[in-house]
Amino acid sequence: MIRLLVYGPILGYLGWQAIERFRAQRDADAAAQEQPSEPRKRTVTFPDGTQHEVLELTPEQAEQMLGRPLDRDKQQAPEPASGGAT
């Protein structure tokens, strides 16, 4: 009976904290999905030493910027050319 009186409130408090943390994370994730994210920018250095800023976009962001749907068949990456002797 004493164990129940000691450990019961402790487990209840820890459970309550876990639920609150879960709800806060869920609300933060929902808020992040509602706001359109900015395109990620990175700087790429080319072999000749020049640096250019590149925007990384999702297909949805590209469609929003273009104002029209993307051509899905043109999006496929080309097959790499096989190098070497045949």
PDB file of N, CA and C in Angstrom:
ATOM      1  N   MET A   1       0.823  -1.188   0.000  1.00  0.00           N
ATOM      2  CA  MET A   1       0.000   0.000   0.000  1.00  0.00           C
ATOM      3  C   MET A   1       0.875   1.263   0.000  1.00  0.00           C
ATOM      4  N   ILE A   2       1.972   1.194   0.720  1.00  0.00           N
ATOM      5  CA  ILE A   2       2.873   2.344   0.781  1.00  0.00           C
ATOM      6  C   ILE A   2       3.505   2.587  -0.582  1.00  0.00           C
ATOM      7  N   ARG A   3       3.851   1.511  -1.288  1.00  0.00           N
ATOM      8  CA  ARG A   3       4.427   1.658  -2.630  1.00  0.00           C
ATOM      9  C   ARG A   3       3.452   2.374  -3.556  1.00  0.00           C
ATOM     10  N   LEU A   4       2.190   2.035  -3.464  1.00  0.00           N
ATOM     11  CA  LEU A   4       1.177   2.682  -4.300  1.00  0.00           C
ATOM     12  C   LEU A   4       1.103   4.181  -3.993  1.00  0.00           C
ATOM     13  N   LEU A   5       1.191   4.541  -2.756  1.00  0.00           N
ATOM     14  CA  LEU A   5       1.136   5.949  -2.363  1.00  0.00           C
ATOM     15  C   LEU A   5       2.399   6.708  -2.777  1.00  0.00           C
ATOM     16  N   VAL A   6       3.534   6.019  -2.862  1.00  0.00           N
ATOM     17  CA  VAL A   6       4.790   6.671  -3.232  1.00  0.00           C
ATOM     18  C   VAL A   6       4.944   6.725  -4.749  1.00  0.00           C
ATOM     19  N   TYR A   7       4.789   5.578  -5.398  1.00  0.00           N
ATOM     20  CA  TYR A   7       5.061   5.501  -6.832  1.00  0.00           C
ATOM     21  C   TYR A   7       3.893   5.966  -7.704  1.00  0.00           C
ATOM     22  N   GLY A   8       2.681   5.924  -7.202  1.00  0.00           N
ATOM     23  CA  GLY A   8       1.508   6.345  -7.978  1.00  0.00           C
ATOM     24  C   GLY A   8       1.599   7.793  -8.451  1.00  0.00           C
ATOM     25  N   PRO A   9       1.802   8.755  -7.535  1.00  0.00           N
ATOM     26  CA  PRO A   9       1.915  10.156  -7.964  1.00  0.00           C
ATOM     27  C   PRO A   9       3.125  10.414  -8.865  1.00  0.00           C
ATOM     28  N   ILE A  10       4.223   9.697  -8.625  1.00  0.00           N
ATOM     29  CA  ILE A  10       5.416   9.882  -9.465  1.00  0.00           C
ATOM     30  C   ILE A  10       5.124   9.434 -10.892  1.00  0.00           C
ATOM     31  N   LEU A  11       4.531   8.250 -11.043  1.00  0.00           N
ATOM     32  CA  LEU A  11       4.195   7.762 -12.384  1.00  0.00           C
ATOM     33  C   LEU A  11       3.140   8.641 -13.045  1.00  0.00           C
ATOM     34  N   GLY A  12       2.189   9.121 -12.271  1.00  0.00           N
ATOM     35  CA  GLY A  12       1.183  10.033 -12.815  1.00  0.00           C
ATOM     36  C   GLY A  12       1.807  11.326 -13.325  1.00  0.00           C
ATOM     37  N   TYR A  13       2.731  11.895 -12.564  1.00  0.00           N
ATOM     38  CA  TYR A  13       3.400  13.128 -12.971  1.00  0.00           C
ATOM     39  C   TYR A  13       4.236  12.910 -14.231  1.00  0.00           C
ATOM     40  N   LEU A  14       4.993  11.816 -14.272  1.00  0.00           N
ATOM     41  CA  LEU A  14       5.817  11.542 -15.447  1.00  0.00           C
ATOM     42  C   LEU A  14       4.949  11.294 -16.680  1.00  0.00           C
ATOM     43  N   GLY A  15       3.832  10.606 -16.524  1.00  0.00           N
ATOM     44  CA  GLY A  15       2.908  10.395 -17.634  1.00  0.00           C
ATOM     45  C   GLY A  15       2.313  11.703 -18.127  1.00  0.00           C
ATOM     46  N   TRP A  16       1.957  12.566 -17.197  1.00  0.00           N
ATOM     47  CA  TRP A  16       1.393  13.872 -17.563  1.00  0.00           C
ATOM     48  C   TRP A  16       2.428  14.702 -18.338  1.00  0.00           C
ATOM     49  N   GLN A  17       3.677  14.688 -17.913  1.00  0.00           N
ATOM     50  CA  GLN A  17       4.739  15.414 -18.611  1.00  0.00           C
ATOM     51  C   GLN A  17       4.955  14.853 -20.022  1.00  0.00           C
ATOM     52  N   ALA A  18       4.887  13.532 -20.158  1.00  0.00           N
ATOM     53  CA  ALA A  18       5.065  12.917 -21.479  1.00  0.00           C
ATOM     54  C   ALA A  18       3.939  13.326 -22.417  1.00  0.00           C
ATOM     55  N   ILE A  19       2.723  13.375 -21.918  1.00  0.00           N
ATOM     56  CA  ILE A  19       1.580  13.787 -22.749  1.00  0.00           C
ATOM     57  C   ILE A  19       1.720  15.246 -23.154  1.00  0.00           C
ATOM     58  N   GLU A  20       2.114  16.104 -22.239  1.00  0.00           N
ATOM     59  CA  GLU A  20       2.298  17.526 -22.560  1.00  0.00           C
ATOM     60  C   GLU A  20       3.390  17.725 -23.608  1.00  0.00           C
ATOM     61  N   ARG A  21       4.478  16.980 -23.501  1.00  0.00           N
ATOM     62  CA  ARG A  21       5.566  17.076 -24.472  1.00  0.00           C
ATOM     63  C   ARG A  21       5.084  16.601 -25.853  1.00  0.00           C
ATOM     64  N   PHE A  22       4.300  15.527 -25.873  1.00  0.00           N
ATOM     65  CA  PHE A  22       3.759  15.017 -27.127  1.00  0.00           C
ATOM     66  C   PHE A  22       2.841  16.049 -27.775  1.00  0.00           C
ATOM     67  N   ARG A  23       1.965  16.667 -26.998  1.00  0.00           N
ATOM     68  CA  ARG A  23       1.038  17.673 -27.542  1.00  0.00           C
ATOM     69  C   ARG A  23       1.788  18.898 -28.068  1.00  0.00           C
ATOM     70  N   ALA A  24       2.815  19.319 -27.375  1.00  0.00           N
ATOM     71  CA  ALA A  24       3.595  20.477 -27.823  1.00  0.00           C
ATOM     72  C   ALA A  24       4.296  20.178 -29.140  1.00  0.00           C
ATOM     73  N   GLN A  25       4.866  18.982 -29.267  1.00  0.00           N
ATOM     74  CA  GLN A  25       5.536  18.598 -30.504  1.00  0.00           C
ATOM     75  C   GLN A  25       4.538  18.496 -31.647  1.00  0.00           C
ATOM     76  N   ARG A  26       3.364  17.919 -31.375  1.00  0.00           N
ATOM     77  CA  ARG A  26       2.332  17.781 -32.401  1.00  0.00           C
ATOM     78  C   ARG A  26       1.869  19.158 -32.890  1.00  0.00           C
ATOM     79  N   ASP A  27       1.683  20.095 -31.967  1.00  0.00           N
ATOM     80  CA  ASP A  27       1.267  21.445 -32.346  1.00  0.00           C
ATOM     81  C   ASP A  27       2.345  22.161 -33.139  1.00  0.00           C
ATOM     82  N   ALA A  28       3.610  21.955 -32.774  1.00  0.00           N
ATOM     83  CA  ALA A  28       4.713  22.584 -33.504  1.00  0.00           C
ATOM     84  C   ALA A  28       4.813  22.024 -34.915  1.00  0.00           C
ATOM     85  N   ASP A  29       4.614  20.720 -35.072  1.00  0.00           N
ATOM     86  CA  ASP A  29       4.653  20.111 -36.400  1.00  0.00           C
ATOM     87  C   ASP A  29       3.503  20.612 -37.268  1.00  0.00           C
ATOM     88  N   ALA A  30       2.325  20.758 -36.687  1.00  0.00           N
ATOM     89  CA  ALA A  30       1.172  21.250 -37.440  1.00  0.00           C
ATOM     90  C   ALA A  30       1.395  22.694 -37.881  1.00  0.00           C
ATOM     91  N   ALA A  31       1.990  23.510 -37.014  1.00  0.00           N
ATOM     92  CA  ALA A  31       2.263  24.899 -37.372  1.00  0.00           C
ATOM     93  C   ALA A  31       3.318  24.983 -38.474  1.00  0.00           C
ATOM     94  N   ALA A  32       4.296  24.099 -38.445  1.00  0.00           N
ATOM     95  CA  ALA A  32       5.346  24.108 -39.468  1.00  0.00           C
ATOM     96  C   ALA A  32       4.791  23.691 -40.820  1.00  0.00           C
ATOM     97  N   GLN A  33       3.825  22.790 -40.837  1.00  0.00           N
ATOM     98  CA  GLN A  33       3.239  22.358 -42.098  1.00  0.00           C
ATOM     99  C   GLN A  33       2.332  23.422 -42.689  1.00  0.00           C
ATOM    100  N   GLU A  34       1.711  24.239 -41.858  1.00  0.00           N
ATOM    101  CA  GLU A  34       0.822  25.282 -42.351  1.00  0.00           C
ATOM    102  C   GLU A  34       1.593  26.400 -43.049  1.00  0.00           C
ATOM    103  N   GLN A  35       2.761  26.731 -42.541  1.00  0.00           N
ATOM    104  CA  GLN A  35       3.544  27.811 -43.108  1.00  0.00           C
ATOM    105  C   GLN A  35       4.386  27.270 -44.255  1.00  0.00           C
ATOM    106  N   PRO A  36       4.315  27.910 -45.417  1.00  0.00           N
ATOM    107  CA  PRO A  36       5.176  27.451 -46.511  1.00  0.00           C
ATOM    108  C   PRO A  36       6.633  27.733 -46.160  1.00  0.00           C
ATOM    109  N   SER A  37       7.453  26.744 -46.328  1.00  0.00           N
ATOM    110  CA  SER A  37       8.859  26.914 -45.973  1.00  0.00           C
ATOM    111  C   SER A  37       9.592  27.661 -47.084  1.00  0.00           C
ATOM    112  N   GLU A  38      10.571  28.390 -46.688  1.00  0.00           N
ATOM    113  CA  GLU A  38      11.404  29.117 -47.632  1.00  0.00           C
ATOM    114  C   GLU A  38      12.326  28.133 -48.338  1.00  0.00           C
ATOM    115  N   PRO A  39      12.674  28.415 -49.581  1.00  0.00           N
ATOM    116  CA  PRO A  39      13.623  27.524 -50.264  1.00  0.00           C
ATOM    117  C   PRO A  39      14.972  27.543 -49.551  1.00  0.00           C
ATOM    118  N   ARG A  40      15.585  26.379 -49.482  1.00  0.00           N
ATOM    119  CA  ARG A  40      16.886  26.280 -48.839  1.00  0.00           C
ATOM    120  C   ARG A  40      17.949  26.781 -49.796  1.00  0.00           C
ATOM    121  N   LYS A  41      18.844  27.607 -49.301  1.00  0.00           N
ATOM    122  CA  LYS A  41      19.913  28.171 -50.128  1.00  0.00           C
ATOM    123  C   LYS A  41      21.238  27.548 -49.712  1.00  0.00           C
ATOM    124  N   ARG A  42      22.056  27.271 -50.706  1.00  0.00           N
ATOM    125  CA  ARG A  42      23.417  26.815 -50.433  1.00  0.00           C
ATOM    126  C   ARG A  42      24.326  27.357 -51.518  1.00  0.00           C
ATOM    127  N   THR A  43      25.605  27.460 -51.203  1.00  0.00           N
ATOM    128  CA  THR A  43      26.589  27.967 -52.143  1.00  0.00           C
ATOM    129  C   THR A  43      27.397  26.797 -52.694  1.00  0.00           C
ATOM    130  N   VAL A  44      27.492  26.747 -54.021  1.00  0.00           N
ATOM    131  CA  VAL A  44      28.211  25.676 -54.691  1.00  0.00           C
ATOM    132  C   VAL A  44      29.457  26.275 -55.332  1.00  0.00           C
ATOM    133  N   THR A  45      30.599  25.617 -55.133  1.00  0.00           N
ATOM    134  CA  THR A  45      31.852  26.045 -55.743  1.00  0.00           C
ATOM    135  C   THR A  45      32.121  25.154 -56.950  1.00  0.00           C
ATOM    136  N   PHE A  46      32.279  25.756 -58.109  1.00  0.00           N
ATOM    137  CA  PHE A  46      32.534  25.028 -59.338  1.00  0.00           C
ATOM    138  C   PHE A  46      34.027  24.786 -59.504  1.00  0.00           C
ATOM    139  N   PRO A  47      34.409  23.858 -60.398  1.00  0.00           N
ATOM    140  CA  PRO A  47      35.836  23.537 -60.568  1.00  0.00           C
ATOM    141  C   PRO A  47      36.688  24.742 -60.961  1.00  0.00           C
ATOM    142  N   ASP A  48      36.101  25.726 -61.647  1.00  0.00           N
ATOM    143  CA  ASP A  48      36.902  26.889 -62.032  1.00  0.00           C
ATOM    144  C   ASP A  48      37.053  27.899 -60.900  1.00  0.00           C
ATOM    145  N   GLY A  49      36.485  27.587 -59.719  1.00  0.00           N
ATOM    146  CA  GLY A  49      36.660  28.445 -58.554  1.00  0.00           C
ATOM    147  C   GLY A  49      35.527  29.426 -58.317  1.00  0.00           C
ATOM    148  N   THR A  50      34.593  29.549 -59.249  1.00  0.00           N
ATOM    149  CA  THR A  50      33.481  30.465 -59.047  1.00  0.00           C
ATOM    150  C   THR A  50      32.466  29.847 -58.095  1.00  0.00           C
ATOM    151  N   GLN A  51      31.795  30.705 -57.354  1.00  0.00           N
ATOM    152  CA  GLN A  51      30.780  30.251 -56.414  1.00  0.00           C
ATOM    153  C   GLN A  51      29.433  30.818 -56.830  1.00  0.00           C
ATOM    154  N   HIS A  52      28.405  29.965 -56.770  1.00  0.00           N
ATOM    155  CA  HIS A  52      27.055  30.383 -57.121  1.00  0.00           C
ATOM    156  C   HIS A  52      26.098  29.915 -56.040  1.00  0.00           C
ATOM    157  N   GLU A  53      25.078  30.745 -55.768  1.00  0.00           N
ATOM    158  CA  GLU A  53      24.059  30.384 -54.799  1.00  0.00           C
ATOM    159  C   GLU A  53      22.981  29.568 -55.498  1.00  0.00           C
ATOM    160  N   VAL A  54      22.608  28.443 -54.911  1.00  0.00           N
ATOM    161  CA  VAL A  54      21.638  27.534 -55.510  1.00  0.00           C
ATOM    162  C   VAL A  54      20.446  27.418 -54.563  1.00  0.00           C
ATOM    163  N   LEU A  55      19.234  27.508 -55.108  1.00  0.00           N
ATOM    164  CA  LEU A  55      18.015  27.314 -54.330  1.00  0.00           C
ATOM    165  C   LEU A  55      17.554  25.871 -54.501  1.00  0.00           C
ATOM    166  N   GLU A  56      17.281  25.209 -53.399  1.00  0.00           N
ATOM    167  CA  GLU A  56      16.759  23.849 -53.457  1.00  0.00           C
ATOM    168  C   GLU A  56      15.250  23.935 -53.212  1.00  0.00           C
ATOM    169  N   LEU A  57      14.470  23.530 -54.205  1.00  0.00           N
ATOM    170  CA  LEU A  57      13.020  23.629 -54.138  1.00  0.00           C
ATOM    171  C   LEU A  57      12.377  22.256 -54.155  1.00  0.00           C
ATOM    172  N   THR A  58      11.243  22.158 -53.496  1.00  0.00           N
ATOM    173  CA  THR A  58      10.422  20.964 -53.640  1.00  0.00           C
ATOM    174  C   THR A  58       9.606  21.139 -54.916  1.00  0.00           C
ATOM    175  N   PRO A  59       9.070  20.066 -55.482  1.00  0.00           N
ATOM    176  CA  PRO A  59       8.230  20.226 -56.671  1.00  0.00           C
ATOM    177  C   PRO A  59       7.028  21.155 -56.433  1.00  0.00           C
ATOM    178  N   GLU A  60       6.469  21.120 -55.233  1.00  0.00           N
ATOM    179  CA  GLU A  60       5.340  21.993 -54.925  1.00  0.00           C
ATOM    180  C   GLU A  60       5.760  23.461 -54.924  1.00  0.00           C
ATOM    181  N   GLN A  61       6.937  23.760 -54.376  1.00  0.00           N
ATOM    182  CA  GLN A  61       7.428  25.137 -54.374  1.00  0.00           C
ATOM    183  C   GLN A  61       7.713  25.608 -55.794  1.00  0.00           C
ATOM    184  N   ALA A  62       8.256  24.721 -56.632  1.00  0.00           N
ATOM    185  CA  ALA A  62       8.543  25.096 -58.018  1.00  0.00           C
ATOM    186  C   ALA A  62       7.247  25.381 -58.771  1.00  0.00           C
ATOM    187  N   GLU A  63       6.233  24.556 -58.555  1.00  0.00           N
ATOM    188  CA  GLU A  63       4.950  24.796 -59.216  1.00  0.00           C
ATOM    189  C   GLU A  63       4.338  26.108 -58.760  1.00  0.00           C
ATOM    190  N   GLN A  64       4.484  26.419 -57.473  1.00  0.00           N
ATOM    191  CA  GLN A  64       3.944  27.672 -56.956  1.00  0.00           C
ATOM    192  C   GLN A  64       4.686  28.862 -57.558  1.00  0.00           C
ATOM    193  N   MET A  65       6.001  28.767 -57.709  1.00  0.00           N
ATOM    194  CA  MET A  65       6.780  29.871 -58.269  1.00  0.00           C
ATOM    195  C   MET A  65       6.498  30.050 -59.758  1.00  0.00           C
ATOM    196  N   LEU A  66       6.325  28.928 -60.483  1.00  0.00           N
ATOM    197  CA  LEU A  66       6.079  28.998 -61.914  1.00  0.00           C
ATOM    198  C   LEU A  66       4.632  29.367 -62.235  1.00  0.00           C
ATOM    199  N   GLY A  67       3.717  28.976 -61.341  1.00  0.00           N
ATOM    200  CA  GLY A  67       2.316  29.246 -61.582  1.00  0.00           C
ATOM    201  C   GLY A  67       1.664  28.222 -62.502  1.00  0.00           C
ATOM    202  N   ARG A  68       2.327  27.112 -62.732  1.00  0.00           N
ATOM    203  CA  ARG A  68       1.777  26.048 -63.584  1.00  0.00           C
ATOM    204  C   ARG A  68       2.364  24.730 -63.115  1.00  0.00           C
ATOM    205  N   PRO A  69       1.720  23.614 -63.482  1.00  0.00           N
ATOM    206  CA  PRO A  69       2.273  22.314 -63.084  1.00  0.00           C
ATOM    207  C   PRO A  69       3.584  22.015 -63.803  1.00  0.00           C
ATOM    208  N   LEU A  70       4.424  21.243 -63.152  1.00  0.00           N
ATOM    209  CA  LEU A  70       5.694  20.848 -63.754  1.00  0.00           C
ATOM    210  C   LEU A  70       5.469  19.732 -64.751  1.00  0.00           C
ATOM    211  N   ASP A  71       6.366  19.635 -65.721  1.00  0.00           N
ATOM    212  CA  ASP A  71       6.339  18.524 -66.661  1.00  0.00           C
ATOM    213  C   ASP A  71       7.017  17.349 -65.973  1.00  0.00           C
ATOM    214  N   ARG A  72       6.226  16.379 -65.540  1.00  0.00           N
ATOM    215  CA  ARG A  72       6.755  15.267 -64.743  1.00  0.00           C
ATOM    216  C   ARG A  72       7.678  14.369 -65.556  1.00  0.00           C
ATOM    217  N   ASP A  73       7.433  14.200 -66.862  1.00  0.00           N
ATOM    218  CA  ASP A  73       8.295  13.319 -67.646  1.00  0.00           C
ATOM    219  C   ASP A  73       9.667  13.930 -67.879  1.00  0.00           C
ATOM    220  N   LYS A  74       9.776  15.245 -67.857  1.00  0.00           N
ATOM    221  CA  LYS A  74      11.077  15.901 -68.038  1.00  0.00           C
ATOM    222  C   LYS A  74      11.869  15.956 -66.737  1.00  0.00           C
ATOM    223  N   GLN A  75      11.219  15.650 -65.621  1.00  0.00           N
ATOM    224  CA  GLN A  75      11.889  15.720 -64.336  1.00  0.00           C
ATOM    225  C   GLN A  75      12.791  14.527 -64.075  1.00  0.00           C
ATOM    226  N   GLN A  76      12.595  13.440 -64.761  1.00  0.00           N
ATOM    227  CA  GLN A  76      13.379  12.238 -64.501  1.00  0.00           C
ATOM    228  C   GLN A  76      14.861  12.511 -64.809  1.00  0.00           C
ATOM    229  N   ALA A  77      15.697  12.047 -63.923  1.00  0.00           N
ATOM    230  CA  ALA A  77      17.140  12.253 -64.095  1.00  0.00           C
ATOM    231  C   ALA A  77      17.629  11.376 -65.223  1.00  0.00           C
ATOM    232  N   PRO A  78      18.528  11.889 -66.060  1.00  0.00           N
ATOM    233  CA  PRO A  78      19.058  11.069 -67.149  1.00  0.00           C
ATOM    234  C   PRO A  78      19.927   9.958 -66.608  1.00  0.00           C
ATOM    235  N   GLU A  79      19.982   8.884 -67.348  1.00  0.00           N
ATOM    236  CA  GLU A  79      20.843   7.770 -66.967  1.00  0.00           C
ATOM    237  C   GLU A  79      22.290   8.183 -67.147  1.00  0.00           C
ATOM    238  N   PRO A  80      23.164   7.826 -66.192  1.00  0.00           N
ATOM    239  CA  PRO A  80      24.571   8.198 -66.341  1.00  0.00           C
ATOM    240  C   PRO A  80      25.191   7.426 -67.497  1.00  0.00           C
ATOM    241  N   ALA A  81      26.042   8.138 -68.240  1.00  0.00           N
ATOM    242  CA  ALA A  81      26.745   7.502 -69.353  1.00  0.00           C
ATOM    243  C   ALA A  81      27.773   6.538 -68.816  1.00  0.00           C
ATOM    244  N   SER A  82      27.845   5.387 -69.417  1.00  0.00           N
ATOM    245  CA  SER A  82      28.823   4.417 -68.938  1.00  0.00           C
ATOM    246  C   SER A  82      30.198   4.804 -69.476  1.00  0.00           C
ATOM    247  N   GLY A  83      31.091   5.032 -68.564  1.00  0.00           N
ATOM    248  CA  GLY A  83      32.439   5.411 -68.969  1.00  0.00           C
ATOM    249  C   GLY A  83      33.350   4.203 -68.983  1.00  0.00           C
ATOM    250  N   GLY A  84      34.361   4.256 -69.758  1.00  0.00           N
ATOM    251  CA  GLY A  84      35.319   3.154 -69.792  1.00  0.00           C
ATOM    252  C   GLY A  84      35.298   2.435 -71.130  1.00  0.00           C
ATOM    253  N   ALA A  85      36.182   1.501 -71.260  1.00  0.00           N
ATOM    254  CA  ALA A  85      36.307   0.755 -72.517  1.00  0.00           C
ATOM    255  C   ALA A  85      35.222  -0.313 -72.612  1.00  0.00           C
ATOM    256  N   THR A  86      34.769  -0.548 -73.838  1.00  0.00           N
ATOM    257  CA  THR A  86      33.760  -1.588 -74.056  1.00  0.00           C
ATOM    258  C   THR A  86      34.362  -2.752 -74.770  1.00  0.00           C
TER     259      THR A  86
END
